[in-house]
Amino acid sequence: MAGSSARQPERGVAGAEDAGAEMYRWIEELYPLCRSLTGAGQRRTLEILRRLTGLAIQEVPSGTQIFDWTVPREWNIRDAYIKDARGRKIVDFADSNLHVMGYSAPVSRRLSLAELKPHLFTLPEHPDWIPYRTSYYREDWAFCLSHRRLLELEEGDYEVCIDAALADGKMCYGELALSGERAEEILISCHICHPSLANDNLSGIAVAAMLARQLSRSPRRFGYRFLFAPGQIGSLAWLSRNEDCLARVRAGLVLACLGDGGAFTYKKSRRGDALTDRAARRALAETAAPFHTLEFSPFGYDERQFCSPGFNLPVGCLMRTPHGGFPEYHTSADNLDFIRPEYLAESLERCRAILRIVEGERTMINLNPKGEPQLGKRGLYGSVGGGAGGREREMSFLWVLNLSDGAHGLLDIAERSGLPFAAVESAARELERHGLLQERAC
């Protein structure tokens, strides 16, 4: 794993290990499917996710205008190959669905090697890997193969076949809504448009699906909306259909590249200081593991659509090694051997840690602000002075009381005090139970 294979995974509890193994099994089931913006492979992927999470499958017809974009025709592929003069298949779609450029137009002809080569993609720097290429919005056709195989091709004629169809149909995406105590929602999104790529595609899908399953069984302060959509056009379709309720989005995460062993990377929202951004930074900082923070840029995954100026939603992106940051990116080497269950489990826990902070963030008001209230008589302070025991708990009480002036949230207090957010939130709950705090009305 690029730049990360030496790092050992964190030791997790049995539950986390079980979740990692289950997510990896889901990826094994999804890996062979030939996904794209549309088509049977995409629908089969969503059907499996519906079985796992209960999501609803939404459909958008080909030709639908979505802002400045148009939903393309549906693409389905049955078979594809290149045969040499002796009838041997030298490239076979049955061996890897990466062998055919995504959205290739149908073709059936004989070509000389010189005529064929402009339609072949390889990676000379990685001669045994197959590249992943697409041509969604310009009709073309091509094959992808290892550079070593290309060098083996002899002069002569080749039979080329791509048994595919481009026809009016529909684009699909999956949506799951979990209600909460409040109308505000947390948006979790991942892309489902890549074929057999384990880290850049399936790891985000698996973590999002497990997160949805776990949250569906837990009390929730906010609602959660999970979006499983083809990249860019899928998120734009969802945005176009939900403009009237986007104000409810309190925070959001795009999940991608979460199965490798690299340090965690968080890309900020366009706002830069949204609750999502602050919660992610705090959650990652409270672990012993290194992490990276990236400023927003209008390039990447669907965060660039959610953060476009007409929406400017508080949505960031959580990754491990970012897209393009590992050699295996968009190649056949991004396979089941490249990801590991324990790294998926770590990624799930980081998502949960971020969301715990989002869920727990509140602004409190000290109901006894003139001097410190006497905590000892309420059983909140050590009975013997001068000792070091319980220092974090007591300091949490003092910091929460001091900064609960209606202008500072619990996340502000954790950041300023350097205390773990969980300790600050626990102190606030305890002080609230003793009648010393109340939540500021929204």
Protein backbone atom coordinates (compact mmCIF):
# COMPACT_ATOMS: atom_id res chain seq x y z
CA MET A 1 0.00 0.00 0.00
CA ALA A 2 1.47 3.24 -1.16
CA GLY A 3 3.39 4.95 1.59
CA SER A 4 1.47 3.09 4.26
CA SER A 5 2.10 -0.65 4.26
CA ALA A 6 4.35 -0.48 7.30
CA ARG A 7 1.71 1.08 9.53
CA GLN A 8 -0.02 -1.40 11.78
CA PRO A 9 -3.77 -1.18 12.23
CA GLU A 10 -5.10 -0.07 15.58
CA ARG A 11 -6.13 -2.81 17.95
CA GLY A 12 -9.92 -2.78 17.98
CA VAL A 13 -12.62 -4.46 19.98
CA ALA A 14 -14.17 -7.67 18.69
CA GLY A 15 -17.21 -5.76 17.41
CA ALA A 16 -15.06 -3.54 15.23
CA GLU A 17 -13.16 -6.54 13.89
CA ASP A 18 -16.45 -8.26 13.08
CA ALA A 19 -17.71 -5.14 11.28
CA GLY A 20 -14.50 -4.95 9.24
CA ALA A 21 -14.81 -8.59 8.19
CA GLU A 22 -18.46 -8.12 7.24
CA MET A 23 -17.73 -5.02 5.16
CA TYR A 24 -14.96 -6.91 3.38
CA ARG A 25 -17.43 -9.71 2.54
CA TRP A 26 -19.81 -7.16 1.07
CA ILE A 27 -16.99 -5.81 -1.09
CA GLU A 28 -16.17 -9.33 -2.27
CA GLU A 29 -19.77 -9.71 -3.43
CA LEU A 30 -19.86 -6.32 -5.17
CA TYR A 31 -16.37 -6.41 -6.69
CA PRO A 32 -17.13 -8.44 -9.87
CA LEU A 33 -20.03 -6.22 -11.00
CA CYS A 34 -19.46 -3.94 -13.96
CA ARG A 35 -20.74 -0.64 -12.59
CA SER A 36 -21.04 2.59 -14.54
CA LEU A 37 -23.21 5.73 -14.51
CA THR A 38 -26.13 3.55 -15.58
CA GLY A 39 -26.92 -0.02 -16.49
CA ALA A 40 -27.50 -3.47 -15.09
CA GLY A 41 -24.35 -3.53 -12.96
CA GLN A 42 -25.38 -0.33 -11.22
CA ARG A 43 -28.90 -1.65 -10.57
CA ARG A 44 -27.55 -4.94 -9.22
CA THR A 45 -25.26 -2.99 -6.89
CA LEU A 46 -28.22 -0.99 -5.56
CA GLU A 47 -30.31 -4.14 -5.14
CA ILE A 48 -27.57 -5.64 -2.95
CA LEU A 49 -27.37 -2.42 -0.94
CA ARG A 50 -31.15 -2.43 -0.56
CA ARG A 51 -30.86 -5.90 0.94
CA LEU A 52 -28.19 -4.66 3.35
CA THR A 53 -29.68 -1.31 4.35
CA GLY A 54 -33.28 -1.03 3.17
CA LEU A 55 -32.57 1.94 0.89
CA ALA A 56 -35.01 3.10 -1.79
CA ILE A 57 -33.92 3.06 -5.43
CA GLN A 58 -34.68 6.28 -7.32
CA GLU A 59 -34.78 6.47 -11.12
CA VAL A 60 -34.01 9.36 -13.48
CA PRO A 61 -34.82 8.87 -17.20
CA SER A 62 -32.21 9.34 -19.90
CA GLY A 63 -32.35 12.82 -21.39
CA THR A 64 -33.47 14.48 -18.15
CA GLN A 65 -32.00 17.96 -17.85
CA ILE A 66 -30.26 18.46 -14.49
CA PHE A 67 -28.97 22.01 -14.18
CA ASP A 68 -26.35 22.25 -16.97
CA TRP A 69 -26.13 18.45 -17.41
CA THR A 70 -28.20 15.83 -19.20
CA VAL A 71 -28.63 12.27 -17.96
CA PRO A 72 -26.88 10.10 -20.58
CA ARG A 73 -28.26 7.07 -22.35
CA GLU A 74 -28.13 3.82 -20.44
CA TRP A 75 -25.06 1.67 -21.14
CA ASN A 76 -25.09 -2.11 -20.92
CA ILE A 77 -22.34 -4.48 -21.99
CA ARG A 78 -22.63 -8.21 -22.56
CA ASP A 79 -19.23 -9.20 -23.94
CA ALA A 80 -16.07 -7.76 -25.47
CA TYR A 81 -12.80 -9.15 -26.81
CA ILE A 82 -9.89 -8.72 -29.20
CA LYS A 83 -8.88 -11.80 -31.20
CA ASP A 84 -5.63 -12.20 -33.11
CA ALA A 85 -5.29 -13.69 -36.60
CA ARG A 86 -5.32 -17.22 -35.15
CA GLY A 87 -8.60 -16.61 -33.31
CA ARG A 88 -7.06 -16.41 -29.83
CA LYS A 89 -8.61 -13.91 -27.40
CA ILE A 90 -5.78 -11.65 -26.35
CA VAL A 91 -8.08 -9.29 -24.41
CA ASP A 92 -11.27 -10.63 -22.85
CA PHE A 93 -13.93 -8.67 -20.93
CA ALA A 94 -14.75 -11.89 -19.08
CA ASP A 95 -11.32 -11.75 -17.41
CA SER A 96 -11.70 -8.17 -16.14
CA ASN A 97 -14.42 -5.60 -16.67
CA LEU A 98 -11.67 -2.95 -16.71
CA HIS A 99 -10.61 -4.26 -20.12
CA VAL A 100 -13.30 -2.14 -21.79
CA MET A 101 -13.42 1.64 -21.53
CA GLY A 102 -16.59 2.57 -19.68
CA TYR A 103 -19.45 3.62 -21.98
CA SER A 104 -17.71 2.25 -25.08
CA ALA A 105 -19.95 2.29 -28.13
CA PRO A 106 -20.64 -1.09 -29.77
CA VAL A 107 -18.12 -2.18 -32.37
CA SER A 108 -17.53 -5.26 -34.53
CA ARG A 109 -14.77 -5.08 -37.16
CA ARG A 110 -11.35 -6.23 -38.26
CA LEU A 111 -8.46 -3.81 -37.86
CA SER A 112 -4.75 -3.80 -38.50
CA LEU A 113 -2.51 -3.35 -35.47
CA ALA A 114 -1.82 0.24 -36.54
CA GLU A 115 -5.55 0.95 -36.74
CA LEU A 116 -6.19 -0.76 -33.38
CA LYS A 117 -3.48 0.94 -31.31
CA PRO A 118 -5.22 4.35 -31.01
CA HIS A 119 -8.02 2.47 -29.24
CA LEU A 120 -5.75 0.82 -26.64
CA PHE A 121 -4.84 2.23 -23.22
CA THR A 122 -1.97 0.91 -21.09
CA LEU A 123 0.25 1.97 -18.18
CA PRO A 124 3.89 1.73 -19.29
CA GLU A 125 5.08 2.60 -15.77
CA HIS A 126 3.15 -0.39 -14.38
CA PRO A 127 3.34 -2.93 -17.20
CA ASP A 128 1.22 -5.63 -15.51
CA TRP A 129 -1.70 -3.42 -14.48
CA ILE A 130 -4.86 -2.62 -16.46
CA PRO A 131 -5.92 1.06 -16.41
CA TYR A 132 -9.49 2.23 -15.81
CA ARG A 133 -10.82 4.64 -18.43
CA THR A 134 -14.24 6.09 -19.29
CA SER A 135 -15.91 8.14 -22.02
CA TYR A 136 -19.29 9.05 -20.56
CA TYR A 137 -20.29 12.08 -22.60
CA ARG A 138 -18.42 11.54 -25.88
CA GLU A 139 -19.21 8.46 -27.94
CA ASP A 140 -16.06 6.42 -28.50
CA TRP A 141 -14.71 2.95 -27.89
CA ALA A 142 -11.47 1.54 -26.50
CA PHE A 143 -9.86 -1.35 -24.68
CA CYS A 144 -7.57 -1.23 -21.65
CA LEU A 145 -4.85 -3.85 -21.21
CA SER A 146 -1.51 -4.41 -19.57
CA HIS A 147 1.43 -2.77 -21.30
CA ARG A 148 3.21 -6.11 -21.28
CA ARG A 149 0.38 -7.61 -23.35
CA LEU A 150 0.51 -4.66 -25.76
CA LEU A 151 4.21 -5.25 -26.38
CA GLU A 152 3.43 -8.86 -27.27
CA LEU A 153 1.03 -7.94 -30.11
CA GLU A 154 2.27 -8.90 -33.57
CA GLU A 155 1.60 -7.21 -36.89
CA GLY A 156 -1.55 -8.47 -38.55
CA ASP A 157 -5.31 -8.13 -38.43
CA TYR A 158 -7.36 -8.30 -35.26
CA GLU A 159 -11.04 -9.02 -34.72
CA VAL A 160 -12.54 -6.44 -32.37
CA CYS A 161 -15.92 -6.89 -30.68
CA ILE A 162 -17.70 -4.81 -28.05
CA ASP A 163 -21.18 -6.24 -27.62
CA ALA A 164 -22.74 -3.25 -25.84
CA ALA A 165 -25.85 -1.10 -26.12
CA LEU A 166 -26.35 2.63 -25.66
CA ALA A 167 -30.09 3.32 -25.51
CA ASP A 168 -32.61 5.44 -23.67
CA GLY A 169 -33.18 4.05 -20.22
CA LYS A 170 -32.60 5.40 -16.73
CA MET A 171 -29.97 6.33 -14.22
CA CYS A 172 -30.50 5.05 -10.67
CA TYR A 173 -29.34 6.08 -7.24
CA GLY A 174 -30.05 4.81 -3.76
CA GLU A 175 -31.38 6.89 -0.88
CA LEU A 176 -31.97 5.99 2.75
CA ALA A 177 -33.50 8.42 5.24
CA LEU A 178 -33.32 7.81 8.99
CA SER A 179 -35.41 10.18 11.09
CA GLY A 180 -34.06 11.79 14.25
CA GLU A 181 -35.32 13.87 17.15
CA ARG A 182 -34.77 16.99 15.07
CA ALA A 183 -35.65 17.86 11.50
CA GLU A 184 -32.03 18.69 10.70
CA GLU A 185 -30.13 16.00 8.80
CA ILE A 186 -26.62 14.67 8.33
CA LEU A 187 -25.83 13.79 4.70
CA ILE A 188 -23.58 10.78 3.98
CA SER A 189 -22.69 10.20 0.34
CA CYS A 190 -20.58 7.79 -1.72
CA HIS A 191 -20.18 7.07 -5.44
CA ILE A 192 -21.30 3.81 -7.07
CA CYS A 193 -20.16 4.30 -10.67
CA HIS A 194 -16.83 2.45 -10.78
CA PRO A 195 -16.45 -1.20 -11.84
CA SER A 196 -13.96 -3.53 -10.10
CA LEU A 197 -12.07 -0.99 -7.99
CA ALA A 198 -11.95 -1.98 -4.34
CA ASN A 199 -10.62 1.13 -2.60
CA ASP A 200 -11.79 3.91 -4.88
CA ASN A 201 -15.44 2.99 -4.88
CA LEU A 202 -16.31 -0.11 -2.89
CA SER A 203 -14.63 0.85 0.41
CA GLY A 204 -16.75 4.02 0.63
CA ILE A 205 -19.88 2.07 -0.28
CA ALA A 206 -19.22 -0.59 2.37
CA VAL A 207 -18.43 1.90 5.15
CA ALA A 208 -21.51 3.98 4.30
CA ALA A 209 -23.71 0.87 4.29
CA MET A 210 -22.39 -0.33 7.65
CA LEU A 211 -22.75 3.15 9.10
CA ALA A 212 -26.37 3.22 7.92
CA ARG A 213 -27.04 -0.18 9.45
CA GLN A 214 -25.52 0.78 12.80
CA LEU A 215 -27.20 4.18 13.00
CA SER A 216 -30.58 2.66 12.14
CA ARG A 217 -30.33 0.72 15.43
CA SER A 218 -29.22 3.68 17.60
CA PRO A 219 -30.96 6.73 19.09
CA ARG A 220 -30.37 9.72 16.83
CA ARG A 221 -30.54 13.41 17.64
CA PHE A 222 -30.41 14.33 13.96
CA GLY A 223 -31.83 12.61 10.93
CA TYR A 224 -29.44 10.90 8.52
CA ARG A 225 -29.72 10.74 4.75
CA PHE A 226 -27.51 8.27 2.90
CA LEU A 227 -26.91 8.73 -0.80
CA PHE A 228 -25.45 5.96 -2.99
CA ALA A 229 -25.16 7.62 -6.40
CA PRO A 230 -23.08 7.65 -9.58
CA GLY A 231 -20.41 10.32 -9.31
CA GLN A 232 -21.30 13.94 -10.13
CA ILE A 233 -24.44 13.35 -12.23
CA GLY A 234 -26.03 11.31 -9.42
CA SER A 235 -25.43 13.90 -6.70
CA LEU A 236 -26.63 16.64 -9.07
CA ALA A 237 -29.82 14.68 -9.71
CA TRP A 238 -30.43 14.36 -5.97
CA LEU A 239 -29.71 18.07 -5.41
CA SER A 240 -32.10 19.06 -8.21
CA ARG A 241 -34.87 17.00 -6.63
CA ASN A 242 -34.30 18.24 -3.08
CA GLU A 243 -33.58 21.95 -3.36
CA ASP A 244 -36.50 22.83 -1.09
CA CYS A 245 -35.10 20.86 1.86
CA LEU A 246 -31.35 21.45 1.59
CA ALA A 247 -31.52 23.98 4.44
CA ARG A 248 -32.00 20.99 6.75
CA VAL A 249 -28.47 19.69 6.04
CA ARG A 250 -26.58 20.34 9.28
CA ALA A 251 -23.40 18.50 8.29
CA GLY A 252 -22.22 15.98 5.73
CA LEU A 253 -19.48 13.60 4.67
CA VAL A 254 -18.51 12.16 1.31
CA LEU A 255 -16.81 8.78 1.88
CA ALA A 256 -14.15 7.39 -0.46
CA CYS A 257 -10.85 5.47 -0.45
CA LEU A 258 -11.31 4.08 3.07
CA GLY A 259 -9.90 0.57 2.72
CA ASP A 260 -6.13 1.16 2.42
CA GLY A 261 -3.67 1.63 5.28
CA GLY A 262 -2.78 5.28 4.72
CA ALA A 263 -3.22 8.02 7.28
CA PHE A 264 -6.68 9.56 7.37
CA THR A 265 -7.25 12.61 5.19
CA TYR A 266 -10.09 15.07 5.65
CA LYS A 267 -10.93 17.58 2.92
CA LYS A 268 -12.77 20.61 4.24
CA SER A 269 -16.05 21.91 2.93
CA ARG A 270 -16.10 25.11 0.92
CA ARG A 271 -17.08 26.96 4.09
CA GLY A 272 -13.94 25.73 5.82
CA ASP A 273 -15.27 26.15 9.36
CA ALA A 274 -18.56 24.25 9.19
CA LEU A 275 -19.53 21.92 12.01
CA THR A 276 -18.47 19.00 9.80
CA ASP A 277 -14.99 20.49 9.39
CA ARG A 278 -14.51 21.20 13.07
CA ALA A 279 -15.90 17.84 14.19
CA ALA A 280 -13.68 15.94 11.74
CA ARG A 281 -10.58 17.83 12.80
CA ARG A 282 -11.35 17.26 16.48
CA ALA A 283 -12.20 13.57 16.08
CA LEU A 284 -9.02 12.87 14.11
CA ALA A 285 -6.86 14.90 16.50
CA GLU A 286 -8.11 12.92 19.50
CA THR A 287 -6.54 9.72 18.16
CA ALA A 288 -2.87 8.84 18.38
CA ALA A 289 -2.66 8.24 14.63
CA PRO A 290 -1.37 10.86 12.17
CA PHE A 291 -3.85 12.53 9.85
CA HIS A 292 -3.93 15.16 7.12
CA THR A 293 -6.28 18.06 6.47
CA LEU A 294 -6.83 19.45 2.98
CA GLU A 295 -8.37 22.79 2.13
CA PHE A 296 -11.38 22.75 -0.15
CA SER A 297 -10.80 22.65 -3.90
CA PRO A 298 -13.41 22.32 -6.68
CA PHE A 299 -11.99 18.98 -7.78
CA GLY A 300 -12.53 15.54 -6.34
CA TYR A 301 -15.65 13.60 -5.42
CA ASP A 302 -19.23 14.78 -4.95
CA GLU A 303 -18.26 17.31 -2.26
CA ARG A 304 -17.57 19.66 -5.18
CA GLN A 305 -21.24 19.44 -6.19
CA PHE A 306 -22.61 19.81 -2.67
CA CYS A 307 -20.21 22.73 -2.13
CA SER A 308 -20.89 24.49 -5.43
CA PRO A 309 -21.73 28.16 -4.78
CA GLY A 310 -25.45 27.73 -5.44
CA PHE A 311 -25.68 25.22 -2.58
CA ASN A 312 -22.59 25.69 -0.37
CA LEU A 313 -23.57 22.81 1.90
CA PRO A 314 -21.45 21.94 4.97
CA VAL A 315 -20.10 18.75 3.38
CA GLY A 316 -16.49 17.57 3.59
CA CYS A 317 -14.77 14.41 2.36
CA LEU A 318 -13.19 11.69 4.49
CA MET A 319 -10.53 9.49 2.89
CA ARG A 320 -7.41 7.61 3.83
CA THR A 321 -4.88 7.98 1.00
CA PRO A 322 -6.59 10.52 -1.31
CA HIS A 323 -7.60 9.80 -4.90
CA GLY A 324 -4.56 9.85 -7.13
CA GLY A 325 -2.28 9.54 -4.11
CA PHE A 326 -1.58 5.81 -4.47
CA PRO A 327 -0.18 4.17 -7.63
CA GLU A 328 -2.97 1.59 -7.68
CA TYR A 329 -5.60 4.34 -8.15
CA HIS A 330 -7.83 3.65 -11.19
CA THR A 331 -6.02 0.44 -12.09
CA SER A 332 -6.57 -3.29 -11.75
CA ALA A 333 -4.16 -3.22 -8.79
CA ASP A 334 -6.92 -1.55 -6.74
CA ASN A 335 -8.23 -5.01 -6.02
CA LEU A 336 -9.33 -7.13 -3.07
CA ASP A 337 -5.71 -7.61 -1.97
CA PHE A 338 -5.17 -3.85 -1.73
CA ILE A 339 -7.72 -3.31 1.07
CA ARG A 340 -7.99 -4.96 4.48
CA PRO A 341 -10.88 -5.53 6.90
CA GLU A 342 -9.07 -3.87 9.82
CA TYR A 343 -8.60 -0.67 7.82
CA LEU A 344 -12.30 -0.65 6.91
CA ALA A 345 -13.09 -1.05 10.61
CA GLU A 346 -10.84 1.90 11.51
CA SER A 347 -12.54 4.01 8.88
CA LEU A 348 -15.97 3.13 10.23
CA GLU A 349 -14.88 4.12 13.74
CA ARG A 350 -13.52 7.47 12.50
CA CYS A 351 -16.88 8.17 10.87
CA ARG A 352 -18.64 7.27 14.10
CA ALA A 353 -16.28 9.52 16.09
CA ILE A 354 -16.98 12.48 13.80
CA LEU A 355 -20.72 11.91 13.99
CA ARG A 356 -20.63 11.56 17.80
CA ILE A 357 -19.22 15.08 17.96
CA VAL A 358 -21.80 16.39 15.46
CA GLU A 359 -24.56 14.73 17.49
CA GLY A 360 -23.19 15.98 20.80
CA GLU A 361 -22.51 19.59 19.84
CA ARG A 362 -24.76 21.96 21.80
CA THR A 363 -24.57 25.47 23.17
CA MET A 364 -25.30 25.64 26.89
CA ILE A 365 -26.16 28.44 29.32
CA ASN A 366 -24.81 28.48 32.87
CA LEU A 367 -27.77 28.98 35.21
CA ASN A 368 -25.49 29.93 38.13
CA PRO A 369 -22.90 32.17 36.43
CA LYS A 370 -21.83 34.38 39.35
CA GLY A 371 -18.78 32.60 40.65
CA GLU A 372 -18.35 28.85 40.58
CA PRO A 373 -21.25 26.85 41.93
CA GLN A 374 -20.28 24.52 44.77
CA LEU A 375 -19.77 21.21 43.02
CA GLY A 376 -18.73 19.26 46.11
CA LYS A 377 -22.11 19.43 47.80
CA ARG A 378 -23.61 18.02 44.60
CA GLY A 379 -21.17 15.11 44.54
CA LEU A 380 -19.44 16.47 41.44
CA TYR A 381 -16.08 17.29 42.98
CA GLY A 382 -13.54 15.21 44.87
CA SER A 383 -14.20 15.13 48.61
CA VAL A 384 -10.48 15.50 49.44
CA GLY A 385 -8.62 18.48 47.96
CA GLY A 386 -5.08 18.43 46.64
CA GLY A 387 -5.14 15.06 44.86
CA ALA A 388 -4.55 14.52 41.14
CA GLY A 389 -7.21 11.83 40.69
CA GLY A 390 -10.24 12.72 38.56
CA ARG A 391 -8.48 15.81 37.27
CA GLU A 392 -9.90 15.57 33.74
CA ARG A 393 -13.47 15.19 35.02
CA GLU A 394 -13.19 18.13 37.39
CA MET A 395 -11.53 20.34 34.78
CA SER A 396 -14.31 19.46 32.36
CA PHE A 397 -16.89 20.70 34.87
CA LEU A 398 -14.99 23.95 35.38
CA TRP A 399 -14.42 24.64 31.69
CA VAL A 400 -18.03 23.88 30.77
CA LEU A 401 -19.36 26.14 33.50
CA ASN A 402 -17.01 28.96 32.59
CA LEU A 403 -17.68 28.99 28.85
CA SER A 404 -21.38 28.10 28.87
CA ASP A 405 -22.42 31.69 28.26
CA GLY A 406 -24.66 31.08 25.27
CA ALA A 407 -21.89 32.05 22.87
CA HIS A 408 -19.67 28.95 23.05
CA GLY A 409 -20.64 25.44 22.02
CA LEU A 410 -19.26 22.27 23.57
CA LEU A 411 -16.90 21.91 20.62
CA ASP A 412 -15.55 25.41 21.34
CA ILE A 413 -14.93 24.32 24.91
CA ALA A 414 -13.13 21.12 23.90
CA GLU A 415 -10.94 23.03 21.45
CA ARG A 416 -10.05 25.77 23.92
CA SER A 417 -9.48 23.51 26.92
CA GLY A 418 -7.71 20.72 25.04
CA LEU A 419 -9.99 18.20 26.74
CA PRO A 420 -11.56 15.30 24.82
CA PHE A 421 -14.96 16.20 23.40
CA ALA A 422 -16.49 13.15 25.10
CA ALA A 423 -15.31 14.43 28.51
CA VAL A 424 -16.76 17.88 27.84
CA GLU A 425 -20.07 16.46 26.63
CA SER A 426 -20.29 14.12 29.64
CA ALA A 427 -19.65 17.02 32.01
CA ALA A 428 -22.36 19.08 30.33
CA ARG A 429 -24.89 16.27 30.69
CA GLU A 430 -24.03 15.85 34.36
CA LEU A 431 -24.27 19.58 35.07
CA GLU A 432 -27.56 19.71 33.22
CA ARG A 433 -28.94 16.90 35.37
CA HIS A 434 -28.02 18.90 38.48
CA GLY A 435 -29.83 21.97 37.24
CA LEU A 436 -26.70 24.05 36.62
CA LEU A 437 -26.97 24.22 32.82
CA GLN A 438 -29.62 24.36 30.16
CA GLU A 439 -29.35 24.19 26.40
CA ARG A 440 -29.70 27.46 24.56
CA ALA A 441 -32.84 27.54 22.47
CA CYS A 442 -32.17 27.48 18.72
